[in-house]
PDB file of N, CA and C in Angstrom:
ATOM      1  N   UNK A   1     -16.287   1.864  14.850  1.00  0.00           N
ATOM      2  CA  UNK A   1     -15.064   2.194  14.163  1.00  0.00           C
ATOM      3  C   UNK A   1     -15.339   2.548  12.704  1.00  0.00           C
ATOM      4  N   UNK A   2     -16.273   1.814  12.083  1.00  0.00           N
ATOM      5  CA  UNK A   2     -16.607   2.050  10.684  1.00  0.00           C
ATOM      6  C   UNK A   2     -17.188   3.445  10.498  1.00  0.00           C
ATOM      7  N   UNK A   3     -17.992   3.906  11.455  1.00  0.00           N
ATOM      8  CA  UNK A   3     -18.590   5.237  11.375  1.00  0.00           C
ATOM      9  C   UNK A   3     -17.548   6.338  11.440  1.00  0.00           C
ATOM     10  N   UNK A   4     -16.539   6.153  12.280  1.00  0.00           N
ATOM     11  CA  UNK A   4     -15.462   7.141  12.394  1.00  0.00           C
ATOM     12  C   UNK A   4     -14.670   7.195  11.097  1.00  0.00           C
ATOM     13  N   UNK A   5     -14.406   6.034  10.519  1.00  0.00           N
ATOM     14  CA  UNK A   5     -13.649   5.979   9.265  1.00  0.00           C
ATOM     15  C   UNK A   5     -14.415   6.694   8.150  1.00  0.00           C
ATOM     16  N   UNK A   6     -15.720   6.468   8.070  1.00  0.00           N
ATOM     17  CA  UNK A   6     -16.535   7.148   7.064  1.00  0.00           C
ATOM     18  C   UNK A   6     -16.528   8.657   7.275  1.00  0.00           C
ATOM     19  N   UNK A   7     -16.608   9.083   8.523  1.00  0.00           N
ATOM     20  CA  UNK A   7     -16.609  10.510   8.827  1.00  0.00           C
ATOM     21  C   UNK A   7     -15.279  11.147   8.425  1.00  0.00           C
ATOM     22  N   UNK A   8     -14.182  10.450   8.687  1.00  0.00           N
ATOM     23  CA  UNK A   8     -12.861  10.981   8.317  1.00  0.00           C
ATOM     24  C   UNK A   8     -12.734  11.070   6.802  1.00  0.00           C
ATOM     25  N   UNK A   9     -13.190  10.050   6.090  1.00  0.00           N
ATOM     26  CA  UNK A   9     -13.131  10.066   4.624  1.00  0.00           C
ATOM     27  C   UNK A   9     -13.994  11.201   4.080  1.00  0.00           C
ATOM     28  N   UNK A  10     -15.202  11.358   4.614  1.00  0.00           N
ATOM     29  CA  UNK A  10     -16.089  12.420   4.170  1.00  0.00           C
ATOM     30  C   UNK A  10     -15.478  13.793   4.431  1.00  0.00           C
ATOM     31  N   UNK A  11     -14.917  13.982   5.600  1.00  0.00           N
ATOM     32  CA  UNK A  11     -14.278  15.251   5.946  1.00  0.00           C
ATOM     33  C   UNK A  11     -13.087  15.525   5.021  1.00  0.00           C
ATOM     34  N   UNK A  12     -12.301  14.508   4.735  1.00  0.00           N
ATOM     35  CA  UNK A  12     -11.155  14.671   3.844  1.00  0.00           C
ATOM     36  C   UNK A  12     -11.607  15.061   2.443  1.00  0.00           C
ATOM     37  N   UNK A  13     -12.646  14.403   1.943  1.00  0.00           N
ATOM     38  CA  UNK A  13     -13.171  14.726   0.606  1.00  0.00           C
ATOM     39  C   UNK A  13     -13.700  16.157   0.578  1.00  0.00           C
ATOM     40  N   UNK A  14     -14.390  16.573   1.607  1.00  0.00           N
ATOM     41  CA  UNK A  14     -14.903  17.941   1.662  1.00  0.00           C
ATOM     42  C   UNK A  14     -13.779  18.969   1.693  1.00  0.00           C
ATOM     43  N   UNK A  15     -12.739  18.707   2.459  1.00  0.00           N
ATOM     44  CA  UNK A  15     -11.601  19.634   2.526  1.00  0.00           C
ATOM     45  C   UNK A  15     -10.918  19.726   1.167  1.00  0.00           C
ATOM     46  N   UNK A  16     -10.696  18.596   0.524  1.00  0.00           N
ATOM     47  CA  UNK A  16     -10.065  18.605  -0.801  1.00  0.00           C
ATOM     48  C   UNK A  16     -10.939  19.363  -1.796  1.00  0.00           C
ATOM     49  N   UNK A  17     -12.241  19.146  -1.756  1.00  0.00           N
ATOM     50  CA  UNK A  17     -13.149  19.852  -2.662  1.00  0.00           C
ATOM     51  C   UNK A  17     -13.104  21.358  -2.428  1.00  0.00           C
ATOM     52  N   UNK A  18     -13.068  21.777  -1.172  1.00  0.00           N
ATOM     53  CA  UNK A  18     -12.987  23.209  -0.858  1.00  0.00           C
ATOM     54  C   UNK A  18     -11.666  23.805  -1.324  1.00  0.00           C
ATOM     55  N   UNK A  19     -10.579  23.071  -1.184  1.00  0.00           N
ATOM     56  CA  UNK A  19      -9.275  23.554  -1.643  1.00  0.00           C
ATOM     57  C   UNK A  19      -9.280  23.701  -3.165  1.00  0.00           C
ATOM     58  N   UNK A  20      -9.846  22.741  -3.863  1.00  0.00           N
ATOM     59  CA  UNK A  20      -9.917  22.812  -5.324  1.00  0.00           C
ATOM     60  C   UNK A  20     -10.775  24.005  -5.752  1.00  0.00           C
ATOM     61  N   UNK A  21     -11.902  24.214  -5.103  1.00  0.00           N
ATOM     62  CA  UNK A  21     -12.767  25.349  -5.437  1.00  0.00           C
ATOM     63  C   UNK A  21     -12.043  26.663  -5.178  1.00  0.00           C
ATOM     64  N   UNK A  22     -11.352  26.760  -4.052  1.00  0.00           N
ATOM     65  CA  UNK A  22     -10.598  27.976  -3.756  1.00  0.00           C
ATOM     66  C   UNK A  22      -9.500  28.204  -4.792  1.00  0.00           C
ATOM     67  N   UNK A  23      -8.817  27.142  -5.195  1.00  0.00           N
ATOM     68  CA  UNK A  23      -7.762  27.255  -6.202  1.00  0.00           C
ATOM     69  C   UNK A  23      -8.331  27.755  -7.525  1.00  0.00           C
ATOM     70  N   UNK A  24      -9.447  27.204  -7.943  1.00  0.00           N
ATOM     71  CA  UNK A  24     -10.064  27.607  -9.213  1.00  0.00           C
ATOM     72  C   UNK A  24     -10.486  29.074  -9.152  1.00  0.00           C
ATOM     73  N   UNK A  25     -11.075  29.476  -8.038  1.00  0.00           N
ATOM     74  CA  UNK A  25     -11.530  30.860  -7.922  1.00  0.00           C
ATOM     75  C   UNK A  25     -10.376  31.852  -7.864  1.00  0.00           C
ATOM     76  N   UNK A  26      -9.245  31.439  -7.317  1.00  0.00           N
ATOM     77  CA  UNK A  26      -8.086  32.332  -7.202  1.00  0.00           C
ATOM     78  C   UNK A  26      -7.263  32.417  -8.487  1.00  0.00           C
ATOM     79  N   UNK A  27      -7.417  31.475  -9.397  1.00  0.00           N
ATOM     80  CA  UNK A  27      -6.580  31.418 -10.598  1.00  0.00           C
ATOM     81  C   UNK A  27      -7.427  31.528 -11.857  1.00  0.00           C
ATOM     82  N   UNK A  28      -8.044  32.669 -12.034  1.00  0.00           N
ATOM     83  CA  UNK A  28      -8.899  32.898 -13.194  1.00  0.00           C
ATOM     84  C   UNK A  28      -8.207  33.673 -14.313  1.00  0.00           C
ATOM     85  N   UNK A  29      -6.902  33.977 -14.161  1.00  0.00           N
ATOM     86  CA  UNK A  29      -6.191  34.697 -15.203  1.00  0.00           C
ATOM     87  C   UNK A  29      -6.123  33.831 -16.465  1.00  0.00           C
ATOM     88  N   UNK A  30      -6.376  34.430 -17.604  1.00  0.00           N
ATOM     89  CA  UNK A  30      -6.320  33.683 -18.853  1.00  0.00           C
ATOM     90  C   UNK A  30      -4.889  33.568 -19.347  1.00  0.00           C
ATOM     91  N   UNK A  31      -4.508  32.389 -19.796  1.00  0.00           N
ATOM     92  CA  UNK A  31      -3.185  32.164 -20.368  1.00  0.00           C
ATOM     93  C   UNK A  31      -3.337  31.308 -21.621  1.00  0.00           C
ATOM     94  N   UNK A  32      -2.337  31.394 -22.486  1.00  0.00           N
ATOM     95  CA  UNK A  32      -2.305  30.572 -23.687  1.00  0.00           C
ATOM     96  C   UNK A  32      -1.110  29.653 -23.566  1.00  0.00           C
ATOM     97  N   UNK A  33      -1.303  28.383 -23.826  1.00  0.00           N
ATOM     98  CA  UNK A  33      -0.231  27.397 -23.718  1.00  0.00           C
ATOM     99  C   UNK A  33       0.212  27.010 -25.122  1.00  0.00           C
ATOM    100  N   UNK A  34       1.532  26.968 -25.340  1.00  0.00           N
ATOM    101  CA  UNK A  34       2.081  26.594 -26.631  1.00  0.00           C
ATOM    102  C   UNK A  34       3.060  25.450 -26.427  1.00  0.00           C
ATOM    103  N   UNK A  35       2.909  24.375 -27.222  1.00  0.00           N
ATOM    104  CA  UNK A  35       3.778  23.205 -27.115  1.00  0.00           C
ATOM    105  C   UNK A  35       3.899  22.561 -28.479  1.00  0.00           C
ATOM    106  N   UNK A  36       5.126  22.420 -28.955  1.00  0.00           N
ATOM    107  CA  UNK A  36       5.423  21.784 -30.245  1.00  0.00           C
ATOM    108  C   UNK A  36       4.624  22.407 -31.391  1.00  0.00           C
ATOM    109  N   UNK A  37       4.528  23.706 -31.385  1.00  0.00           N
ATOM    110  CA  UNK A  37       3.842  24.408 -32.457  1.00  0.00           C
ATOM    111  C   UNK A  37       2.331  24.473 -32.314  1.00  0.00           C
ATOM    112  N   UNK A  38       1.781  23.792 -31.339  1.00  0.00           N
ATOM    113  CA  UNK A  38       0.340  23.851 -31.101  1.00  0.00           C
ATOM    114  C   UNK A  38       0.069  24.840 -29.974  1.00  0.00           C
ATOM    115  N   UNK A  39      -0.963  25.630 -30.126  1.00  0.00           N
ATOM    116  CA  UNK A  39      -1.280  26.622 -29.099  1.00  0.00           C
ATOM    117  C   UNK A  39      -2.763  26.528 -28.742  1.00  0.00           C
ATOM    118  N   UNK A  40      -3.048  26.801 -27.487  1.00  0.00           N
ATOM    119  CA  UNK A  40      -4.440  26.835 -27.032  1.00  0.00           C
ATOM    120  C   UNK A  40      -4.909  28.277 -27.025  1.00  0.00           C
ATOM    121  N   UNK A  41      -6.193  28.445 -26.887  1.00  0.00           N
ATOM    122  CA  UNK A  41      -6.735  29.790 -26.719  1.00  0.00           C
ATOM    123  C   UNK A  41      -6.528  30.248 -25.284  1.00  0.00           C
ATOM    124  N   UNK A  42      -7.071  31.388 -24.948  1.00  0.00           N
ATOM    125  CA  UNK A  42      -6.973  31.913 -23.597  1.00  0.00           C
ATOM    126  C   UNK A  42      -7.868  31.083 -22.679  1.00  0.00           C
ATOM    127  N   UNK A  43      -7.234  30.380 -21.732  1.00  0.00           N
ATOM    128  CA  UNK A  43      -7.943  29.516 -20.783  1.00  0.00           C
ATOM    129  C   UNK A  43      -7.408  29.845 -19.387  1.00  0.00           C
ATOM    130  N   UNK A  44      -8.246  29.801 -18.354  1.00  0.00           N
ATOM    131  CA  UNK A  44      -7.744  30.058 -17.002  1.00  0.00           C
ATOM    132  C   UNK A  44      -6.639  29.078 -16.599  1.00  0.00           C
ATOM    133  N   UNK A  45      -5.694  29.562 -15.817  1.00  0.00           N
ATOM    134  CA  UNK A  45      -4.573  28.744 -15.328  1.00  0.00           C
ATOM    135  C   UNK A  45      -5.088  27.502 -14.614  1.00  0.00           C
ATOM    136  N   UNK A  46      -6.139  27.652 -13.854  1.00  0.00           N
ATOM    137  CA  UNK A  46      -6.656  26.526 -13.071  1.00  0.00           C
ATOM    138  C   UNK A  46      -7.070  25.354 -13.956  1.00  0.00           C
ATOM    139  N   UNK A  47      -7.527  25.612 -15.165  1.00  0.00           N
ATOM    140  CA  UNK A  47      -7.933  24.533 -16.061  1.00  0.00           C
ATOM    141  C   UNK A  47      -6.731  23.668 -16.421  1.00  0.00           C
ATOM    142  N   UNK A  48      -5.611  24.317 -16.784  1.00  0.00           N
ATOM    143  CA  UNK A  48      -4.402  23.562 -17.123  1.00  0.00           C
ATOM    144  C   UNK A  48      -3.895  22.745 -15.944  1.00  0.00           C
ATOM    145  N   UNK A  49      -3.905  23.336 -14.770  1.00  0.00           N
ATOM    146  CA  UNK A  49      -3.393  22.641 -13.591  1.00  0.00           C
ATOM    147  C   UNK A  49      -4.292  21.459 -13.223  1.00  0.00           C
ATOM    148  N   UNK A  50      -5.589  21.636 -13.270  1.00  0.00           N
ATOM    149  CA  UNK A  50      -6.504  20.546 -12.920  1.00  0.00           C
ATOM    150  C   UNK A  50      -6.453  19.435 -13.967  1.00  0.00           C
ATOM    151  N   UNK A  51      -6.326  19.794 -15.253  1.00  0.00           N
ATOM    152  CA  UNK A  51      -6.186  18.766 -16.296  1.00  0.00           C
ATOM    153  C   UNK A  51      -4.891  17.979 -16.079  1.00  0.00           C
ATOM    154  N   UNK A  52      -3.806  18.687 -15.757  1.00  0.00           N
ATOM    155  CA  UNK A  52      -2.537  17.998 -15.486  1.00  0.00           C
ATOM    156  C   UNK A  52      -2.665  17.075 -14.271  1.00  0.00           C
ATOM    157  N   UNK A  53      -3.379  17.505 -13.248  1.00  0.00           N
ATOM    158  CA  UNK A  53      -3.603  16.673 -12.064  1.00  0.00           C
ATOM    159  C   UNK A  53      -4.371  15.407 -12.429  1.00  0.00           C
ATOM    160  N   UNK A  54      -5.431  15.553 -13.201  1.00  0.00           N
ATOM    161  CA  UNK A  54      -6.242  14.394 -13.584  1.00  0.00           C
ATOM    162  C   UNK A  54      -5.439  13.428 -14.454  1.00  0.00           C
ATOM    163  N   UNK A  55      -4.684  13.963 -15.414  1.00  0.00           N
ATOM    164  CA  UNK A  55      -3.861  13.103 -16.265  1.00  0.00           C
ATOM    165  C   UNK A  55      -2.832  12.358 -15.419  1.00  0.00           C
ATOM    166  N   UNK A  56      -2.209  13.047 -14.470  1.00  0.00           N
ATOM    167  CA  UNK A  56      -1.247  12.398 -13.585  1.00  0.00           C
ATOM    168  C   UNK A  56      -1.880  11.327 -12.715  1.00  0.00           C
ATOM    169  N   UNK A  57      -3.114  11.590 -12.259  1.00  0.00           N
ATOM    170  CA  UNK A  57      -3.802  10.604 -11.436  1.00  0.00           C
ATOM    171  C   UNK A  57      -4.196   9.374 -12.247  1.00  0.00           C
ATOM    172  N   UNK A  58      -4.345   9.514 -13.556  1.00  0.00           N
ATOM    173  CA  UNK A  58      -4.656   8.370 -14.413  1.00  0.00           C
ATOM    174  C   UNK A  58      -3.392   7.619 -14.821  1.00  0.00           C
ATOM    175  N   UNK A  59      -2.334   8.355 -15.175  1.00  0.00           N
ATOM    176  CA  UNK A  59      -1.102   7.724 -15.651  1.00  0.00           C
ATOM    177  C   UNK A  59      -0.334   7.059 -14.512  1.00  0.00           C
ATOM    178  N   UNK A  60      -0.298   7.662 -13.345  1.00  0.00           N
ATOM    179  CA  UNK A  60       0.451   7.111 -12.216  1.00  0.00           C
ATOM    180  C   UNK A  60       0.067   5.682 -11.871  1.00  0.00           C
ATOM    181  N   UNK A  61      -1.197   5.411 -11.598  1.00  0.00           N
ATOM    182  CA  UNK A  61      -1.589   4.030 -11.291  1.00  0.00           C
ATOM    183  C   UNK A  61      -1.356   3.062 -12.460  1.00  0.00           C
ATOM    184  N   UNK A  62      -1.547   3.536 -13.687  1.00  0.00           N
ATOM    185  CA  UNK A  62      -1.303   2.665 -14.839  1.00  0.00           C
ATOM    186  C   UNK A  62       0.161   2.262 -14.918  1.00  0.00           C
ATOM    187  N   UNK A  63       1.066   3.214 -14.674  1.00  0.00           N
ATOM    188  CA  UNK A  63       2.488   2.884 -14.658  1.00  0.00           C
ATOM    189  C   UNK A  63       2.814   1.939 -13.506  1.00  0.00           C
ATOM    190  N   UNK A  64       2.185   2.130 -12.363  1.00  0.00           N
ATOM    191  CA  UNK A  64       2.394   1.236 -11.227  1.00  0.00           C
ATOM    192  C   UNK A  64       1.973  -0.185 -11.543  1.00  0.00           C
ATOM    193  N   UNK A  65       0.840  -0.320 -12.207  1.00  0.00           N
ATOM    194  CA  UNK A  65       0.360  -1.655 -12.597  1.00  0.00           C
ATOM    195  C   UNK A  65       1.325  -2.284 -13.600  1.00  0.00           C
ATOM    196  N   UNK A  66       1.806  -1.485 -14.547  1.00  0.00           N
ATOM    197  CA  UNK A  66       2.738  -1.991 -15.549  1.00  0.00           C
ATOM    198  C   UNK A  66       4.033  -2.471 -14.902  1.00  0.00           C
ATOM    199  N   UNK A  67       4.592  -1.679 -13.999  1.00  0.00           N
ATOM    200  CA  UNK A  67       5.836  -2.064 -13.321  1.00  0.00           C
ATOM    201  C   UNK A  67       5.611  -3.302 -12.469  1.00  0.00           C
ATOM    202  N   UNK A  68       4.504  -3.356 -11.754  1.00  0.00           N
ATOM    203  CA  UNK A  68       4.199  -4.505 -10.905  1.00  0.00           C
ATOM    204  C   UNK A  68       4.048  -5.780 -11.731  1.00  0.00           C
ATOM    205  N   UNK A  69       3.394  -5.674 -12.891  1.00  0.00           N
ATOM    206  CA  UNK A  69       3.204  -6.868 -13.720  1.00  0.00           C
ATOM    207  C   UNK A  69       4.527  -7.329 -14.323  1.00  0.00           C
ATOM    208  N   UNK A  70       5.393  -6.409 -14.703  1.00  0.00           N
ATOM    209  CA  UNK A  70       6.706  -6.796 -15.230  1.00  0.00           C
ATOM    210  C   UNK A  70       7.567  -7.416 -14.144  1.00  0.00           C
ATOM    211  N   UNK A  71       7.485  -6.864 -12.942  1.00  0.00           N
ATOM    212  CA  UNK A  71       8.260  -7.417 -11.826  1.00  0.00           C
ATOM    213  C   UNK A  71       7.772  -8.815 -11.489  1.00  0.00           C
ATOM    214  N   UNK A  72       6.459  -9.021 -11.552  1.00  0.00           N
ATOM    215  CA  UNK A  72       5.864 -10.318 -11.265  1.00  0.00           C
ATOM    216  C   UNK A  72       6.290 -11.363 -12.312  1.00  0.00           C
ATOM    217  N   UNK A  73       6.351 -10.962 -13.581  1.00  0.00           N
ATOM    218  CA  UNK A  73       6.745 -11.867 -14.650  1.00  0.00           C
ATOM    219  C   UNK A  73       8.206 -12.254 -14.552  1.00  0.00           C
ATOM    220  N   UNK A  74       9.058 -11.338 -14.081  1.00  0.00           N
ATOM    221  CA  UNK A  74      10.497 -11.614 -14.022  1.00  0.00           C
ATOM    222  C   UNK A  74      10.897 -12.404 -12.789  1.00  0.00           C
ATOM    223  N   UNK A  75       9.990 -12.586 -11.823  1.00  0.00           N
ATOM    224  CA  UNK A  75      10.302 -13.350 -10.617  1.00  0.00           C
ATOM    225  C   UNK A  75      10.314 -14.843 -10.955  1.00  0.00           C
ATOM    226  N   UNK A  76      11.373 -15.571 -10.569  1.00  0.00           N
ATOM    227  CA  UNK A  76      11.409 -17.014 -10.835  1.00  0.00           C
ATOM    228  C   UNK A  76      10.239 -17.735 -10.156  1.00  0.00           C
ATOM    229  N   UNK A  77       9.858 -18.888 -10.701  1.00  0.00           N
ATOM    230  CA  UNK A  77       8.688 -19.626 -10.221  1.00  0.00           C
ATOM    231  C   UNK A  77       8.824 -20.053  -8.762  1.00  0.00           C
ATOM    232  N   UNK A  78      10.030 -20.348  -8.311  1.00  0.00           N
ATOM    233  CA  UNK A  78      10.229 -20.824  -6.953  1.00  0.00           C
ATOM    234  C   UNK A  78      10.259 -19.721  -5.910  1.00  0.00           C
ATOM    235  N   UNK A  79      10.384 -18.467  -6.344  1.00  0.00           N
ATOM    236  CA  UNK A  79      10.471 -17.358  -5.399  1.00  0.00           C
ATOM    237  C   UNK A  79       9.248 -16.463  -5.525  1.00  0.00           C
ATOM    238  N   UNK A  80       8.857 -15.853  -4.423  1.00  0.00           N
ATOM    239  CA  UNK A  80       7.687 -14.975  -4.456  1.00  0.00           C
ATOM    240  C   UNK A  80       8.063 -13.553  -4.176  1.00  0.00           C
TER     241      UNK A  80
END
């Protein structure tokens, strides 16, 4: 069973990697992003999207931990 699980995880990682590579290769148009008076130079669209994905993957779990810890603190001692 462990071997099948590893194979599925490996296959999933490979598929995700191929999708990311295809996305990067398809989105090479240069764009400039402007926000609150700050502007970037010409960078491919895929860079902005992948950076946003990584930031979201970092912030999401951190917010989950924060909410879970606050919920845990607000629970009365007698209840779980």
